[in-house]
């Protein structure tokens, strides 16, 4: 794997702000040739530094008025199975195992608070090995992974 230098970091920063930024614009901002940017982006993709390009959406504008971070504790022998099962639910947008307050952290999008309660009771709590579920409803999102500040 090649070393990531300052120019690569700037390219990554620009793409995190807007993954659709044309190579020509990145080249102009960094005062280099477009071919340099194209080659560096390709190398970053091939090395797995850039893993995907994505779209950030507003859940409320898609009909999801209840977005929650849900911490889940499980029997240790069920950790991987529960994480994989959670990943299968369309309502679950993010799943990670953690070493913090909860063993698994998820982000869940649902229509409203009632749907959240039902989802927790009928899907999450019924998974074998689940010991406790701790939802935290998100009120306003101020920063997303791309680095954009939201109103």
Protein backbone atom coordinates (compact mmCIF):
# COMPACT_ATOMS: atom_id res chain seq x y z
CA UNK A 1 0.00 0.00 0.00
CA UNK A 2 1.29 3.42 -0.93
CA UNK A 3 1.69 6.15 1.64
CA UNK A 4 -1.14 8.67 1.78
CA UNK A 5 0.29 12.15 1.39
CA UNK A 6 -1.12 15.63 1.94
CA UNK A 7 -2.45 15.88 -1.63
CA UNK A 8 -4.31 12.56 -1.24
CA UNK A 9 -5.81 13.84 2.01
CA UNK A 10 -7.02 17.00 0.24
CA UNK A 11 -8.57 14.93 -2.55
CA UNK A 12 -10.35 12.77 0.01
CA UNK A 13 -11.58 15.84 1.89
CA UNK A 14 -13.04 17.34 -1.30
CA UNK A 15 -14.74 14.06 -2.22
CA UNK A 16 -16.15 13.67 1.32
CA UNK A 17 -17.72 17.12 0.95
CA UNK A 18 -19.22 16.15 -2.42
CA UNK A 19 -18.46 12.78 -4.01
CA UNK A 20 -19.69 14.14 -7.35
CA UNK A 21 -16.95 16.80 -7.59
CA UNK A 22 -15.44 16.45 -11.08
CA UNK A 23 -11.76 15.60 -11.34
CA UNK A 24 -11.26 18.81 -13.31
CA UNK A 25 -12.57 20.88 -10.40
CA UNK A 26 -10.41 19.04 -7.87
CA UNK A 27 -7.39 19.56 -10.14
CA UNK A 28 -8.12 23.29 -10.40
CA UNK A 29 -8.52 23.63 -6.63
CA UNK A 30 -5.24 21.82 -5.99
CA UNK A 31 -3.41 23.39 -8.96
CA UNK A 32 -2.44 20.08 -10.59
CA UNK A 33 -3.30 18.28 -13.83
CA UNK A 34 -6.64 16.48 -14.11
CA UNK A 35 -4.76 13.28 -15.01
CA UNK A 36 -2.93 13.50 -11.66
CA UNK A 37 -6.26 13.58 -9.83
CA UNK A 38 -7.72 10.77 -11.94
CA UNK A 39 -4.66 8.57 -11.26
CA UNK A 40 -4.62 9.34 -7.54
CA UNK A 41 -8.35 8.67 -7.13
CA UNK A 42 -8.00 5.37 -9.02
CA UNK A 43 -5.06 4.37 -6.78
CA UNK A 44 -7.04 5.33 -3.63
CA UNK A 45 -9.93 3.17 -4.87
CA UNK A 46 -7.66 0.23 -5.72
CA UNK A 47 -5.96 0.41 -2.30
CA UNK A 48 -9.35 0.41 -0.57
CA UNK A 49 -8.87 3.87 0.94
CA UNK A 50 -11.93 5.06 -0.99
CA UNK A 51 -14.39 2.21 -0.54
CA UNK A 52 -17.57 3.68 -1.99
CA UNK A 53 -19.37 6.81 -3.06
CA UNK A 54 -22.67 7.43 -1.33
CA UNK A 55 -25.70 9.68 -1.02
CA UNK A 56 -26.69 11.38 2.23
CA UNK A 57 -30.46 11.73 2.54
CA UNK A 58 -32.86 13.46 4.92
CA UNK A 59 -34.89 10.65 6.55
CA UNK A 60 -37.86 12.96 7.29
CA UNK A 61 -38.20 13.84 3.61
CA UNK A 62 -38.43 10.11 2.90
CA UNK A 63 -41.22 9.63 5.46
CA UNK A 64 -39.06 8.51 8.39
CA UNK A 65 -39.94 10.82 11.26
CA UNK A 66 -38.40 8.65 13.95
CA UNK A 67 -34.65 8.14 13.68
CA UNK A 68 -32.99 6.48 16.65
CA UNK A 69 -29.61 5.24 17.73
CA UNK A 70 -30.25 1.92 19.42
CA UNK A 71 -27.72 0.33 21.75
CA UNK A 72 -28.14 -3.42 22.17
CA UNK A 73 -26.53 -5.73 24.68
CA UNK A 74 -26.41 -9.44 23.95
CA UNK A 75 -25.05 -12.65 25.38
CA UNK A 76 -21.45 -12.71 24.13
CA UNK A 77 -21.93 -15.99 22.26
CA UNK A 78 -24.71 -14.36 20.19
CA UNK A 79 -22.89 -11.13 19.29
CA UNK A 80 -22.05 -11.91 15.66
CA UNK A 81 -25.38 -13.60 14.94
CA UNK A 82 -27.41 -10.68 16.33
CA UNK A 83 -25.29 -8.11 14.45
CA UNK A 84 -25.79 -10.02 11.20
CA UNK A 85 -29.54 -10.43 11.77
CA UNK A 86 -29.92 -6.71 12.52
CA UNK A 87 -28.14 -5.97 9.23
CA UNK A 88 -30.92 -7.79 7.38
CA UNK A 89 -33.71 -5.45 8.57
CA UNK A 90 -34.47 -2.67 6.07
CA UNK A 91 -35.28 -0.31 8.97
CA UNK A 92 -31.71 -0.62 10.24
CA UNK A 93 -29.39 1.70 8.32
CA UNK A 94 -26.16 1.16 10.31
CA UNK A 95 -24.83 -1.67 12.50
CA UNK A 96 -21.54 -1.77 14.41
CA UNK A 97 -20.16 -3.80 17.27
CA UNK A 98 -18.60 -1.66 19.95
CA UNK A 99 -16.62 -1.68 23.17
CA UNK A 100 -18.55 1.17 24.77
CA UNK A 101 -21.78 1.31 26.72
CA UNK A 102 -23.45 -1.23 24.41
CA UNK A 103 -22.16 -4.23 22.50
CA UNK A 104 -23.98 -3.31 19.28
CA UNK A 105 -24.96 0.14 18.01
CA UNK A 106 -27.52 0.64 15.27
CA UNK A 107 -29.25 3.51 13.51
CA UNK A 108 -32.92 2.80 12.86
CA UNK A 109 -35.32 4.76 10.62
CA UNK A 110 -39.08 4.40 11.14
CA UNK A 111 -42.26 6.31 10.37
CA UNK A 112 -42.99 7.38 13.96
CA UNK A 113 -42.46 6.60 17.64
CA UNK A 114 -45.12 3.88 17.62
CA UNK A 115 -43.36 2.09 14.78
CA UNK A 116 -40.09 2.36 16.72
CA UNK A 117 -41.65 0.77 19.82
CA UNK A 118 -43.15 -2.02 17.72
CA UNK A 119 -39.89 -2.64 15.87
CA UNK A 120 -37.95 -2.91 19.13
CA UNK A 121 -40.52 -5.18 20.78
CA UNK A 122 -41.31 -7.44 17.84
CA UNK A 123 -38.01 -7.64 16.00
CA UNK A 124 -34.99 -6.65 18.10
CA UNK A 125 -36.01 -8.03 21.49
CA UNK A 126 -37.08 -11.34 19.93
CA UNK A 127 -33.63 -12.08 18.53
CA UNK A 128 -31.94 -14.92 20.41
CA UNK A 129 -29.35 -13.61 22.85
CA UNK A 130 -30.62 -10.02 23.15
CA UNK A 131 -30.46 -8.92 26.79
CA UNK A 132 -31.32 -5.22 26.64
CA UNK A 133 -32.23 -2.51 24.13
CA UNK A 134 -31.59 1.21 24.73
CA UNK A 135 -33.02 3.55 22.08
CA UNK A 136 -32.09 7.23 21.83
CA UNK A 137 -34.30 9.24 19.48
CA UNK A 138 -32.40 11.79 17.37
CA UNK A 139 -34.02 15.22 17.49
CA UNK A 140 -31.78 17.18 15.08
CA UNK A 141 -28.75 16.06 13.10
CA UNK A 142 -25.98 18.68 13.03
CA UNK A 143 -23.20 16.80 11.30
CA UNK A 144 -23.17 13.77 9.05
CA UNK A 145 -20.20 11.64 8.07
CA UNK A 146 -19.53 13.65 4.94
CA UNK A 147 -18.71 16.64 7.12
CA UNK A 148 -21.67 18.79 6.08
CA UNK A 149 -23.32 20.93 8.73
CA UNK A 150 -27.08 20.58 8.47
CA UNK A 151 -29.57 23.37 9.25
